[in-house]
Amino acid sequence: MSESSVHRQTIFRNADNLAVWICVDKKAGGSSKEKLSLLNAEIQSVCNDYISTLDDTLHKKSPRPNPTPRIFIEQGNELSRILWLCWES
């Protein structure tokens, strides 16, 4: 059984918005539940990259508030999402 792979591609970025396309290879092995879990973990990973923190021990700090995440399911493909992070200016 081959391992599922997750693909991530930035499709739009500006000062207040970031849109990322995330999908799991449908042909790879594993159950649909496992693939959805991988997809959700990748979405969480992208969100974590942009979360601001007051923790001085962390190396990555963001001077702006946390983004508002929106998730869109690609029509006809349950293993593909577009994640849109939006910051209020």
PDB file of N, CA and C in Angstrom:
ATOM      1  N   MET A   1       0.850  -1.183   0.000  1.00  0.00           N
ATOM      2  CA  MET A   1       0.000   0.000   0.000  1.00  0.00           C
ATOM      3  C   MET A   1       0.889   1.237   0.000  1.00  0.00           C
ATOM      4  N   SER A   2       0.640   2.153  -0.931  1.00  0.00           N
ATOM      5  CA  SER A   2       1.443   3.377  -0.990  1.00  0.00           C
ATOM      6  C   SER A   2       0.881   4.423  -0.038  1.00  0.00           C
ATOM      7  N   GLU A   3       1.741   5.306   0.379  1.00  0.00           N
ATOM      8  CA  GLU A   3       1.344   6.335   1.335  1.00  0.00           C
ATOM      9  C   GLU A   3       0.704   7.513   0.607  1.00  0.00           C
ATOM     10  N   SER A   4      -0.355   8.073   1.192  1.00  0.00           N
ATOM     11  CA  SER A   4      -1.022   9.235   0.603  1.00  0.00           C
ATOM     12  C   SER A   4      -0.107  10.438   0.661  1.00  0.00           C
ATOM     13  N   SER A   5      -0.182  11.262  -0.364  1.00  0.00           N
ATOM     14  CA  SER A   5       0.618  12.482  -0.344  1.00  0.00           C
ATOM     15  C   SER A   5      -0.302  13.689  -0.398  1.00  0.00           C
ATOM     16  N   VAL A   6       0.106  14.716   0.326  1.00  0.00           N
ATOM     17  CA  VAL A   6      -0.664  15.954   0.406  1.00  0.00           C
ATOM     18  C   VAL A   6       0.061  16.999  -0.430  1.00  0.00           C
ATOM     19  N   HIS A   7      -0.687  17.714  -1.236  1.00  0.00           N
ATOM     20  CA  HIS A   7      -0.131  18.771  -2.072  1.00  0.00           C
ATOM     21  C   HIS A   7      -0.656  20.124  -1.575  1.00  0.00           C
ATOM     22  N   ARG A   8       0.240  21.121  -1.592  1.00  0.00           N
ATOM     23  CA  ARG A   8      -0.128  22.473  -1.149  1.00  0.00           C
ATOM     24  C   ARG A   8       0.421  23.459  -2.168  1.00  0.00           C
ATOM     25  N   GLN A   9      -0.423  24.401  -2.583  1.00  0.00           N
ATOM     26  CA  GLN A   9       0.021  25.421  -3.534  1.00  0.00           C
ATOM     27  C   GLN A   9      -0.647  26.755  -3.200  1.00  0.00           C
ATOM     28  N   THR A  10       0.170  27.799  -3.073  1.00  0.00           N
ATOM     29  CA  THR A  10      -0.370  29.139  -2.848  1.00  0.00           C
ATOM     30  C   THR A  10      -0.949  29.642  -4.165  1.00  0.00           C
ATOM     31  N   ILE A  11      -2.220  30.063  -4.134  1.00  0.00           N
ATOM     32  CA  ILE A  11      -2.848  30.550  -5.359  1.00  0.00           C
ATOM     33  C   ILE A  11      -3.054  32.065  -5.356  1.00  0.00           C
ATOM     34  N   PHE A  12      -3.013  32.669  -4.154  1.00  0.00           N
ATOM     35  CA  PHE A  12      -3.139  34.121  -4.078  1.00  0.00           C
ATOM     36  C   PHE A  12      -2.563  34.597  -2.758  1.00  0.00           C
ATOM     37  N   ARG A  13      -1.848  35.723  -2.812  1.00  0.00           N
ATOM     38  CA  ARG A  13      -1.300  36.299  -1.578  1.00  0.00           C
ATOM     39  C   ARG A  13      -1.176  37.803  -1.755  1.00  0.00           C
ATOM     40  N   ASN A  14      -1.663  38.536  -0.763  1.00  0.00           N
ATOM     41  CA  ASN A  14      -1.396  39.964  -0.661  1.00  0.00           C
ATOM     42  C   ASN A  14      -1.301  40.302   0.826  1.00  0.00           C
ATOM     43  N   ALA A  15      -1.279  41.570   1.173  1.00  0.00           N
ATOM     44  CA  ALA A  15      -1.068  41.962   2.573  1.00  0.00           C
ATOM     45  C   ALA A  15      -2.176  41.469   3.505  1.00  0.00           C
ATOM     46  N   ASP A  16      -3.393  41.304   2.993  1.00  0.00           N
ATOM     47  CA  ASP A  16      -4.523  40.958   3.852  1.00  0.00           C
ATOM     48  C   ASP A  16      -5.159  39.605   3.561  1.00  0.00           C
ATOM     49  N   ASN A  17      -4.669  38.890   2.566  1.00  0.00           N
ATOM     50  CA  ASN A  17      -5.284  37.627   2.167  1.00  0.00           C
ATOM     51  C   ASN A  17      -4.238  36.602   1.754  1.00  0.00           C
ATOM     52  N   LEU A  18      -4.543  35.356   2.028  1.00  0.00           N
ATOM     53  CA  LEU A  18      -3.731  34.247   1.565  1.00  0.00           C
ATOM     54  C   LEU A  18      -4.684  33.124   1.191  1.00  0.00           C
ATOM     55  N   ALA A  19      -4.590  32.648  -0.033  1.00  0.00           N
ATOM     56  CA  ALA A  19      -5.398  31.517  -0.478  1.00  0.00           C
ATOM     57  C   ALA A  19      -4.464  30.381  -0.851  1.00  0.00           C
ATOM     58  N   VAL A  20      -4.737  29.208  -0.283  1.00  0.00           N
ATOM     59  CA  VAL A  20      -3.894  28.042  -0.505  1.00  0.00           C
ATOM     60  C   VAL A  20      -4.777  26.877  -0.940  1.00  0.00           C
ATOM     61  N   TRP A  21      -4.360  26.210  -2.028  1.00  0.00           N
ATOM     62  CA  TRP A  21      -5.048  25.014  -2.483  1.00  0.00           C
ATOM     63  C   TRP A  21      -4.358  23.813  -1.848  1.00  0.00           C
ATOM     64  N   ILE A  22      -5.137  22.947  -1.218  1.00  0.00           N
ATOM     65  CA  ILE A  22      -4.608  21.775  -0.527  1.00  0.00           C
ATOM     66  C   ILE A  22      -5.400  20.561  -1.000  1.00  0.00           C
ATOM     67  N   CYS A  23      -4.692  19.503  -1.394  1.00  0.00           N
ATOM     68  CA  CYS A  23      -5.399  18.286  -1.794  1.00  0.00           C
ATOM     69  C   CYS A  23      -4.589  17.052  -1.445  1.00  0.00           C
ATOM     70  N   VAL A  24      -5.293  15.940  -1.372  1.00  0.00           N
ATOM     71  CA  VAL A  24      -4.678  14.637  -1.132  1.00  0.00           C
ATOM     72  C   VAL A  24      -4.838  13.831  -2.405  1.00  0.00           C
ATOM     73  N   ASP A  25      -3.781  13.149  -2.796  1.00  0.00           N
ATOM     74  CA  ASP A  25      -3.793  12.313  -3.989  1.00  0.00           C
ATOM     75  C   ASP A  25      -4.832  11.207  -3.836  1.00  0.00           C
ATOM     76  N   LYS A  26      -5.847  11.217  -4.685  1.00  0.00           N
ATOM     77  CA  LYS A  26      -6.925  10.227  -4.610  1.00  0.00           C
ATOM     78  C   LYS A  26      -6.439   8.812  -4.908  1.00  0.00           C
ATOM     79  N   LYS A  27      -5.420   8.688  -5.738  1.00  0.00           N
ATOM     80  CA  LYS A  27      -4.950   7.373  -6.179  1.00  0.00           C
ATOM     81  C   LYS A  27      -4.044   6.701  -5.158  1.00  0.00           C
ATOM     82  N   ALA A  28      -3.570   7.447  -4.192  1.00  0.00           N
ATOM     83  CA  ALA A  28      -2.680   6.878  -3.179  1.00  0.00           C
ATOM     84  C   ALA A  28      -3.461   5.951  -2.257  1.00  0.00           C
ATOM     85  N   GLY A  29      -2.744   5.098  -1.562  1.00  0.00           N
ATOM     86  CA  GLY A  29      -3.378   4.148  -0.657  1.00  0.00           C
ATOM     87  C   GLY A  29      -3.955   4.817   0.572  1.00  0.00           C
ATOM     88  N   GLY A  30      -4.656   4.018   1.350  1.00  0.00           N
ATOM     89  CA  GLY A  30      -5.261   4.516   2.581  1.00  0.00           C
ATOM     90  C   GLY A  30      -6.752   4.719   2.405  1.00  0.00           C
ATOM     91  N   SER A  31      -7.443   4.739   3.530  1.00  0.00           N
ATOM     92  CA  SER A  31      -8.892   4.917   3.500  1.00  0.00           C
ATOM     93  C   SER A  31      -9.248   6.387   3.315  1.00  0.00           C
ATOM     94  N   SER A  32     -10.494   6.636   2.962  1.00  0.00           N
ATOM     95  CA  SER A  32     -10.972   8.016   2.816  1.00  0.00           C
ATOM     96  C   SER A  32     -10.856   8.767   4.136  1.00  0.00           C
ATOM     97  N   LYS A  33     -11.114   8.059   5.243  1.00  0.00           N
ATOM     98  CA  LYS A  33     -11.018   8.690   6.560  1.00  0.00           C
ATOM     99  C   LYS A  33      -9.574   9.144   6.832  1.00  0.00           C
ATOM    100  N   GLU A  34      -8.604   8.294   6.487  1.00  0.00           N
ATOM    101  CA  GLU A  34      -7.190   8.645   6.680  1.00  0.00           C
ATOM    102  C   GLU A  34      -6.799   9.824   5.794  1.00  0.00           C
ATOM    103  N   LYS A  35      -7.301   9.836   4.566  1.00  0.00           N
ATOM    104  CA  LYS A  35      -6.983  10.934   3.649  1.00  0.00           C
ATOM    105  C   LYS A  35      -7.581  12.245   4.137  1.00  0.00           C
ATOM    106  N   LEU A  36      -8.824  12.203   4.636  1.00  0.00           N
ATOM    107  CA  LEU A  36      -9.437  13.420   5.179  1.00  0.00           C
ATOM    108  C   LEU A  36      -8.671  13.911   6.402  1.00  0.00           C
ATOM    109  N   SER A  37      -8.176  12.984   7.205  1.00  0.00           N
ATOM    110  CA  SER A  37      -7.378  13.355   8.368  1.00  0.00           C
ATOM    111  C   SER A  37      -6.083  14.054   7.943  1.00  0.00           C
ATOM    112  N   LEU A  38      -5.426  13.543   6.898  1.00  0.00           N
ATOM    113  CA  LEU A  38      -4.222  14.186   6.361  1.00  0.00           C
ATOM    114  C   LEU A  38      -4.536  15.581   5.827  1.00  0.00           C
ATOM    115  N   LEU A  39      -5.656  15.695   5.133  1.00  0.00           N
ATOM    116  CA  LEU A  39      -6.075  16.984   4.577  1.00  0.00           C
ATOM    117  C   LEU A  39      -6.307  18.001   5.693  1.00  0.00           C
ATOM    118  N   ASN A  40      -7.030  17.587   6.733  1.00  0.00           N
ATOM    119  CA  ASN A  40      -7.304  18.486   7.856  1.00  0.00           C
ATOM    120  C   ASN A  40      -6.035  18.851   8.615  1.00  0.00           C
ATOM    121  N   ALA A  41      -5.104  17.917   8.731  1.00  0.00           N
ATOM    122  CA  ALA A  41      -3.833  18.210   9.397  1.00  0.00           C
ATOM    123  C   ALA A  41      -3.035  19.244   8.608  1.00  0.00           C
ATOM    124  N   GLU A  42      -3.067  19.155   7.283  1.00  0.00           N
ATOM    125  CA  GLU A  42      -2.353  20.128   6.454  1.00  0.00           C
ATOM    126  C   GLU A  42      -2.996  21.511   6.558  1.00  0.00           C
ATOM    127  N   ILE A  43      -4.332  21.561   6.596  1.00  0.00           N
ATOM    128  CA  ILE A  43      -5.040  22.831   6.779  1.00  0.00           C
ATOM    129  C   ILE A  43      -4.639  23.448   8.118  1.00  0.00           C
ATOM    130  N   GLN A  44      -4.600  22.637   9.176  1.00  0.00           N
ATOM    131  CA  GLN A  44      -4.204  23.126  10.499  1.00  0.00           C
ATOM    132  C   GLN A  44      -2.757  23.617  10.489  1.00  0.00           C
ATOM    133  N   SER A  45      -1.899  22.932   9.764  1.00  0.00           N
ATOM    134  CA  SER A  45      -0.495  23.334   9.662  1.00  0.00           C
ATOM    135  C   SER A  45      -0.355  24.713   9.011  1.00  0.00           C
ATOM    136  N   VAL A  46      -1.107  24.941   7.942  1.00  0.00           N
ATOM    137  CA  VAL A  46      -1.064  26.251   7.280  1.00  0.00           C
ATOM    138  C   VAL A  46      -1.565  27.327   8.236  1.00  0.00           C
ATOM    139  N   CYS A  47      -2.677  27.063   8.917  1.00  0.00           N
ATOM    140  CA  CYS A  47      -3.217  28.045   9.872  1.00  0.00           C
ATOM    141  C   CYS A  47      -2.210  28.332  10.985  1.00  0.00           C
ATOM    142  N   ASN A  48      -1.554  27.289  11.480  1.00  0.00           N
ATOM    143  CA  ASN A  48      -0.581  27.465  12.561  1.00  0.00           C
ATOM    144  C   ASN A  48       0.588  28.358  12.140  1.00  0.00           C
ATOM    145  N   ASP A  49       0.926  28.346  10.861  1.00  0.00           N
ATOM    146  CA  ASP A  49       2.020  29.185  10.371  1.00  0.00           C
ATOM    147  C   ASP A  49       1.706  30.675  10.491  1.00  0.00           C
ATOM    148  N   TYR A  50       0.427  31.019  10.628  1.00  0.00           N
ATOM    149  CA  TYR A  50       0.030  32.430  10.624  1.00  0.00           C
ATOM    150  C   TYR A  50      -0.665  32.868  11.899  1.00  0.00           C
ATOM    151  N   ILE A  51      -0.630  32.044  12.933  1.00  0.00           N
ATOM    152  CA  ILE A  51      -1.245  32.415  14.203  1.00  0.00           C
ATOM    153  C   ILE A  51      -0.282  33.310  14.972  1.00  0.00           C
ATOM    154  N   SER A  52      -0.797  34.413  15.459  1.00  0.00           N
ATOM    155  CA  SER A  52       0.048  35.301  16.262  1.00  0.00           C
ATOM    156  C   SER A  52       0.132  34.734  17.669  1.00  0.00           C
ATOM    157  N   THR A  53       1.164  35.124  18.375  1.00  0.00           N
ATOM    158  CA  THR A  53       1.348  34.579  19.716  1.00  0.00           C
ATOM    159  C   THR A  53       1.993  35.607  20.633  1.00  0.00           C
ATOM    160  N   LEU A  54       1.715  35.445  21.886  1.00  0.00           N
ATOM    161  CA  LEU A  54       2.367  36.283  22.895  1.00  0.00           C
ATOM    162  C   LEU A  54       3.451  35.489  23.622  1.00  0.00           C
ATOM    163  N   ASP A  55       3.679  34.263  23.200  1.00  0.00           N
ATOM    164  CA  ASP A  55       4.663  33.392  23.831  1.00  0.00           C
ATOM    165  C   ASP A  55       6.071  33.786  23.379  1.00  0.00           C
ATOM    166  N   ASP A  56       6.858  34.286  24.290  1.00  0.00           N
ATOM    167  CA  ASP A  56       8.206  34.751  23.963  1.00  0.00           C
ATOM    168  C   ASP A  56       9.154  33.610  23.606  1.00  0.00           C
ATOM    169  N   THR A  57       8.807  32.372  23.941  1.00  0.00           N
ATOM    170  CA  THR A  57       9.696  31.253  23.651  1.00  0.00           C
ATOM    171  C   THR A  57       9.597  30.789  22.204  1.00  0.00           C
ATOM    172  N   LEU A  58       8.570  31.195  21.516  1.00  0.00           N
ATOM    173  CA  LEU A  58       8.431  30.787  20.119  1.00  0.00           C
ATOM    174  C   LEU A  58       9.264  31.691  19.222  1.00  0.00           C
ATOM    175  N   HIS A  59       9.822  31.117  18.191  1.00  0.00           N
ATOM    176  CA  HIS A  59      10.679  31.871  17.286  1.00  0.00           C
ATOM    177  C   HIS A  59       9.868  32.692  16.291  1.00  0.00           C
ATOM    178  N   LYS A  60       8.719  32.171  15.874  1.00  0.00           N
ATOM    179  CA  LYS A  60       7.902  32.870  14.885  1.00  0.00           C
ATOM    180  C   LYS A  60       6.842  33.705  15.590  1.00  0.00           C
ATOM    181  N   LYS A  61       6.877  34.983  15.361  1.00  0.00           N
ATOM    182  CA  LYS A  61       5.879  35.876  15.951  1.00  0.00           C
ATOM    183  C   LYS A  61       5.215  36.655  14.839  1.00  0.00           C
ATOM    184  N   SER A  62       3.955  36.917  15.005  1.00  0.00           N
ATOM    185  CA  SER A  62       3.214  37.698  14.024  1.00  0.00           C
ATOM    186  C   SER A  62       2.706  38.958  14.697  1.00  0.00           C
ATOM    187  N   PRO A  63       2.995  40.131  14.118  1.00  0.00           N
ATOM    188  CA  PRO A  63       2.564  41.375  14.744  1.00  0.00           C
ATOM    189  C   PRO A  63       1.083  41.665  14.553  1.00  0.00           C
ATOM    190  N   ARG A  64       0.422  40.902  13.724  1.00  0.00           N
ATOM    191  CA  ARG A  64      -0.988  41.178  13.473  1.00  0.00           C
ATOM    192  C   ARG A  64      -1.864  40.100  14.100  1.00  0.00           C
ATOM    193  N   PRO A  65      -3.157  40.381  14.213  1.00  0.00           N
ATOM    194  CA  PRO A  65      -4.057  39.415  14.848  1.00  0.00           C
ATOM    195  C   PRO A  65      -4.192  38.141  14.004  1.00  0.00           C
ATOM    196  N   ASN A  66      -4.785  37.144  14.604  1.00  0.00           N
ATOM    197  CA  ASN A  66      -4.986  35.888  13.889  1.00  0.00           C
ATOM    198  C   ASN A  66      -5.903  36.100  12.694  1.00  0.00           C
ATOM    199  N   PRO A  67      -5.640  35.394  11.606  1.00  0.00           N
ATOM    200  CA  PRO A  67      -6.496  35.529  10.432  1.00  0.00           C
ATOM    201  C   PRO A  67      -7.837  34.828  10.640  1.00  0.00           C
ATOM    202  N   THR A  68      -8.810  35.231   9.847  1.00  0.00           N
ATOM    203  CA  THR A  68     -10.092  34.539   9.806  1.00  0.00           C
ATOM    204  C   THR A  68      -9.998  33.477   8.720  1.00  0.00           C
ATOM    205  N   PRO A  69     -10.076  32.199   9.097  1.00  0.00           N
ATOM    206  CA  PRO A  69      -9.965  31.157   8.059  1.00  0.00           C
ATOM    207  C   PRO A  69     -11.318  30.810   7.457  1.00  0.00           C
ATOM    208  N   ARG A  70     -11.323  30.589   6.168  1.00  0.00           N
ATOM    209  CA  ARG A  70     -12.501  30.081   5.466  1.00  0.00           C
ATOM    210  C   ARG A  70     -12.023  28.897   4.633  1.00  0.00           C
ATOM    211  N   ILE A  71     -12.842  27.862   4.567  1.00  0.00           N
ATOM    212  CA  ILE A  71     -12.473  26.663   3.817  1.00  0.00           C
ATOM    213  C   ILE A  71     -13.546  26.379   2.783  1.00  0.00           C
ATOM    214  N   PHE A  72     -13.120  26.190   1.548  1.00  0.00           N
ATOM    215  CA  PHE A  72     -14.027  25.878   0.453  1.00  0.00           C
ATOM    216  C   PHE A  72     -13.677  24.494  -0.083  1.00  0.00           C
ATOM    217  N   ILE A  73     -14.683  23.662  -0.280  1.00  0.00           N
ATOM    218  CA  ILE A  73     -14.485  22.328  -0.842  1.00  0.00           C
ATOM    219  C   ILE A  73     -14.570  22.435  -2.356  1.00  0.00           C
ATOM    220  N   GLU A  74     -13.552  21.897  -3.023  1.00  0.00           N
ATOM    221  CA  GLU A  74     -13.579  21.916  -4.480  1.00  0.00           C
ATOM    222  C   GLU A  74     -14.742  21.053  -4.955  1.00  0.00           C
ATOM    223  N   GLN A  75     -15.540  21.588  -5.840  1.00  0.00           N
ATOM    224  CA  GLN A  75     -16.734  20.889  -6.307  1.00  0.00           C
ATOM    225  C   GLN A  75     -16.362  19.549  -6.936  1.00  0.00           C
ATOM    226  N   GLY A  76     -17.006  18.497  -6.480  1.00  0.00           N
ATOM    227  CA  GLY A  76     -16.781  17.177  -7.043  1.00  0.00           C
ATOM    228  C   GLY A  76     -15.553  16.452  -6.526  1.00  0.00           C
ATOM    229  N   ASN A  77     -14.819  17.036  -5.581  1.00  0.00           N
ATOM    230  CA  ASN A  77     -13.625  16.381  -5.058  1.00  0.00           C
ATOM    231  C   ASN A  77     -13.560  16.588  -3.549  1.00  0.00           C
ATOM    232  N   GLU A  78     -13.937  15.555  -2.807  1.00  0.00           N
ATOM    233  CA  GLU A  78     -13.976  15.675  -1.346  1.00  0.00           C
ATOM    234  C   GLU A  78     -12.592  15.732  -0.716  1.00  0.00           C
ATOM    235  N   LEU A  79     -11.543  15.496  -1.495  1.00  0.00           N
ATOM    236  CA  LEU A  79     -10.173  15.519  -0.964  1.00  0.00           C
ATOM    237  C   LEU A  79      -9.395  16.758  -1.414  1.00  0.00           C
ATOM    238  N   SER A  80     -10.112  17.805  -1.789  1.00  0.00           N
ATOM    239  CA  SER A  80      -9.467  19.035  -2.239  1.00  0.00           C
ATOM    240  C   SER A  80     -10.149  20.234  -1.595  1.00  0.00           C
ATOM    241  N   ARG A  81      -9.343  21.133  -1.048  1.00  0.00           N
ATOM    242  CA  ARG A  81      -9.880  22.311  -0.360  1.00  0.00           C
ATOM    243  C   ARG A  81      -9.110  23.557  -0.793  1.00  0.00           C
ATOM    244  N   ILE A  82      -9.786  24.679  -0.701  1.00  0.00           N
ATOM    245  CA  ILE A  82      -9.117  25.972  -0.801  1.00  0.00           C
ATOM    246  C   ILE A  82      -9.274  26.634   0.560  1.00  0.00           C
ATOM    247  N   LEU A  83      -8.142  26.949   1.159  1.00  0.00           N
ATOM    248  CA  LEU A  83      -8.116  27.614   2.459  1.00  0.00           C
ATOM    249  C   LEU A  83      -7.825  29.084   2.210  1.00  0.00           C
ATOM    250  N   TRP A  84      -8.702  29.951   2.706  1.00  0.00           N
ATOM    251  CA  TRP A  84      -8.531  31.382   2.551  1.00  0.00           C
ATOM    252  C   TRP A  84      -8.354  31.996   3.922  1.00  0.00           C
ATOM    253  N   LEU A  85      -7.194  32.574   4.166  1.00  0.00           N
ATOM    254  CA  LEU A  85      -6.935  33.286   5.407  1.00  0.00           C
ATOM    255  C   LEU A  85      -7.038  34.772   5.113  1.00  0.00           C
ATOM    256  N   CYS A  86      -7.814  35.470   5.939  1.00  0.00           N
ATOM    257  CA  CYS A  86      -8.072  36.896   5.713  1.00  0.00           C
ATOM    258  C   CYS A  86      -7.779  37.677   6.984  1.00  0.00           C
ATOM    259  N   TRP A  87      -6.981  38.736   6.852  1.00  0.00           N
ATOM    260  CA  TRP A  87      -6.696  39.618   7.976  1.00  0.00           C
ATOM    261  C   TRP A  87      -7.445  40.926   7.763  1.00  0.00           C
ATOM    262  N   GLU A  88      -8.039  41.433   8.812  1.00  0.00           N
ATOM    263  CA  GLU A  88      -8.708  42.740   8.738  1.00  0.00           C
ATOM    264  C   GLU A  88      -7.656  43.822   8.762  1.00  0.00           C
ATOM    265  N   SER A  89      -7.758  44.772   7.827  1.00  0.00           N
ATOM    266  CA  SER A  89      -6.752  45.841   7.824  1.00  0.00           C
ATOM    267  C   SER A  89      -7.190  47.027   8.621  1.00  0.00           C
TER     268      SER A  89
END
